[in-house]
Amino acid sequence: MGGTAAPLHPLRLVQDGFRGGDADVLAWFWSG
């Protein structure tokens, strides 16, 4: 049960993290 990031692939989430989206990635894991 995630938000808009749920449909994204893990690799995309990692890339977002490197770009400064760590908070979004963590939120995805916690909500996922």
PDB file of N, CA and C in Angstrom:
ATOM      1  N   MET A   1       0.861  -1.195   0.000  1.00  0.00           N
ATOM      2  CA  MET A   1       0.000   0.000   0.000  1.00  0.00           C
ATOM      3  C   MET A   1       0.897   1.245   0.000  1.00  0.00           C
ATOM      4  N   GLY A   2       1.329   1.639  -1.186  1.00  0.00           N
ATOM      5  CA  GLY A   2       2.201   2.805  -1.273  1.00  0.00           C
ATOM      6  C   GLY A   2       1.503   3.959  -1.958  1.00  0.00           C
ATOM      7  N   GLY A   3       2.246   5.031  -2.169  1.00  0.00           N
ATOM      8  CA  GLY A   3       1.666   6.208  -2.836  1.00  0.00           C
ATOM      9  C   GLY A   3       1.998   6.197  -4.308  1.00  0.00           C
ATOM     10  N   THR A   4       2.366   7.330  -4.848  1.00  0.00           N
ATOM     11  CA  THR A   4       2.657   7.435  -6.271  1.00  0.00           C
ATOM     12  C   THR A   4       3.954   6.708  -6.616  1.00  0.00           C
ATOM     13  N   ALA A   5       4.765   6.402  -5.617  1.00  0.00           N
ATOM     14  CA  ALA A   5       6.052   5.760  -5.871  1.00  0.00           C
ATOM     15  C   ALA A   5       5.912   4.241  -5.955  1.00  0.00           C
ATOM     16  N   ALA A   6       4.791   3.707  -5.518  1.00  0.00           N
ATOM     17  CA  ALA A   6       4.598   2.265  -5.489  1.00  0.00           C
ATOM     18  C   ALA A   6       4.810   1.597  -6.848  1.00  0.00           C
ATOM     19  N   PRO A   7       4.252   2.140  -7.938  1.00  0.00           N
ATOM     20  CA  PRO A   7       4.385   1.502  -9.248  1.00  0.00           C
ATOM     21  C   PRO A   7       5.812   1.526  -9.795  1.00  0.00           C
ATOM     22  N   LEU A   8       6.672   2.371  -9.242  1.00  0.00           N
ATOM     23  CA  LEU A   8       8.035   2.492  -9.760  1.00  0.00           C
ATOM     24  C   LEU A   8       8.860   1.255  -9.435  1.00  0.00           C
ATOM     25  N   HIS A   9       9.834   0.981 -10.294  1.00  0.00           N
ATOM     26  CA  HIS A   9      10.704  -0.166 -10.072  1.00  0.00           C
ATOM     27  C   HIS A   9      11.738   0.180  -9.004  1.00  0.00           C
ATOM     28  N   PRO A  10      12.254  -0.829  -8.291  1.00  0.00           N
ATOM     29  CA  PRO A  10      13.260  -0.601  -7.243  1.00  0.00           C
ATOM     30  C   PRO A  10      14.434   0.232  -7.747  1.00  0.00           C
ATOM     31  N   LEU A  11      14.888  -0.057  -8.974  1.00  0.00           N
ATOM     32  CA  LEU A  11      16.030   0.681  -9.521  1.00  0.00           C
ATOM     33  C   LEU A  11      15.701   2.161  -9.618  1.00  0.00           C
ATOM     34  N   ARG A  12      14.476   2.454 -10.043  1.00  0.00           N
ATOM     35  CA  ARG A  12      14.064   3.858 -10.162  1.00  0.00           C
ATOM     36  C   ARG A  12      14.074   4.519  -8.783  1.00  0.00           C
ATOM     37  N   LEU A  13      13.635   3.767  -7.771  1.00  0.00           N
ATOM     38  CA  LEU A  13      13.610   4.310  -6.411  1.00  0.00           C
ATOM     39  C   LEU A  13      15.031   4.613  -5.957  1.00  0.00           C
ATOM     40  N   VAL A  14      15.957   3.721  -6.298  1.00  0.00           N
ATOM     41  CA  VAL A  14      17.359   3.931  -5.920  1.00  0.00           C
ATOM     42  C   VAL A  14      17.889   5.172  -6.609  1.00  0.00           C
ATOM     43  N   GLN A  15      17.568   5.319  -7.887  1.00  0.00           N
ATOM     44  CA  GLN A  15      18.028   6.492  -8.630  1.00  0.00           C
ATOM     45  C   GLN A  15      17.466   7.761  -8.002  1.00  0.00           C
ATOM     46  N   ASP A  16      16.195   7.730  -7.614  1.00  0.00           N
ATOM     47  CA  ASP A  16      15.579   8.902  -6.975  1.00  0.00           C
ATOM     48  C   ASP A  16      16.322   9.213  -5.678  1.00  0.00           C
ATOM     49  N   GLY A  17      16.751   8.159  -4.969  1.00  0.00           N
ATOM     50  CA  GLY A  17      17.467   8.353  -3.713  1.00  0.00           C
ATOM     51  C   GLY A  17      18.782   9.084  -3.945  1.00  0.00           C
ATOM     52  N   PHE A  18      19.503   8.676  -4.994  1.00  0.00           N
ATOM     53  CA  PHE A  18      20.782   9.326  -5.295  1.00  0.00           C
ATOM     54  C   PHE A  18      20.567  10.780  -5.666  1.00  0.00           C
ATOM     55  N   ARG A  19      19.393  11.090  -6.201  1.00  0.00           N
ATOM     56  CA  ARG A  19      19.118  12.467  -6.611  1.00  0.00           C
ATOM     57  C   ARG A  19      18.588  13.303  -5.452  1.00  0.00           C
ATOM     58  N   GLY A  20      18.500  12.717  -4.269  1.00  0.00           N
ATOM     59  CA  GLY A  20      18.062  13.484  -3.098  1.00  0.00           C
ATOM     60  C   GLY A  20      16.637  13.159  -2.683  1.00  0.00           C
ATOM     61  N   GLY A  21      16.106  12.028  -3.149  1.00  0.00           N
ATOM     62  CA  GLY A  21      14.733  11.665  -2.790  1.00  0.00           C
ATOM     63  C   GLY A  21      14.708  10.561  -1.746  1.00  0.00           C
ATOM     64  N   ASP A  22      15.728  10.538  -0.895  1.00  0.00           N
ATOM     65  CA  ASP A  22      15.819   9.485   0.115  1.00  0.00           C
ATOM     66  C   ASP A  22      14.548   9.415   0.957  1.00  0.00           C
ATOM     67  N   ALA A  23      14.010  10.570   1.314  1.00  0.00           N
ATOM     68  CA  ALA A  23      12.805  10.610   2.149  1.00  0.00           C
ATOM     69  C   ALA A  23      11.659   9.885   1.448  1.00  0.00           C
ATOM     70  N   ASP A  24      11.513  10.112   0.145  1.00  0.00           N
ATOM     71  CA  ASP A  24      10.431   9.472  -0.605  1.00  0.00           C
ATOM     72  C   ASP A  24      10.651   7.967  -0.656  1.00  0.00           C
ATOM     73  N   VAL A  25      11.905   7.561  -0.836  1.00  0.00           N
ATOM     74  CA  VAL A  25      12.213   6.132  -0.899  1.00  0.00           C
ATOM     75  C   VAL A  25      11.893   5.461   0.429  1.00  0.00           C
ATOM     76  N   LEU A  26      12.331   6.087   1.533  1.00  0.00           N
ATOM     77  CA  LEU A  26      12.069   5.523   2.854  1.00  0.00           C
ATOM     78  C   LEU A  26      10.567   5.434   3.096  1.00  0.00           C
ATOM     79  N   ALA A  27       9.851   6.491   2.721  1.00  0.00           N
ATOM     80  CA  ALA A  27       8.401   6.507   2.908  1.00  0.00           C
ATOM     81  C   ALA A  27       7.776   5.363   2.124  1.00  0.00           C
ATOM     82  N   TRP A  28       8.331   5.085   0.921  1.00  0.00           N
ATOM     83  CA  TRP A  28       7.784   4.003   0.094  1.00  0.00           C
ATOM     84  C   TRP A  28       7.989   2.667   0.795  1.00  0.00           C
ATOM     85  N   PHE A  29       9.186   2.472   1.369  1.00  0.00           N
ATOM     86  CA  PHE A  29       9.473   1.214   2.062  1.00  0.00           C
ATOM     87  C   PHE A  29       8.572   1.055   3.281  1.00  0.00           C
ATOM     88  N   TRP A  30       8.418   2.138   4.050  1.00  0.00           N
ATOM     89  CA  TRP A  30       7.614   2.056   5.272  1.00  0.00           C
ATOM     90  C   TRP A  30       6.148   1.789   4.921  1.00  0.00           C
ATOM     91  N   SER A  31       5.652   2.397   3.825  1.00  0.00           N
ATOM     92  CA  SER A  31       4.246   2.243   3.458  1.00  0.00           C
ATOM     93  C   SER A  31       4.037   0.990   2.621  1.00  0.00           C
ATOM     94  N   GLY A  32       5.112   0.492   2.008  1.00  0.00           N
ATOM     95  CA  GLY A  32       5.004  -0.647   1.116  1.00  0.00           C
ATOM     96  C   GLY A  32       4.726  -1.933   1.869  1.00  0.00           C
TER      97      GLY A  32
END
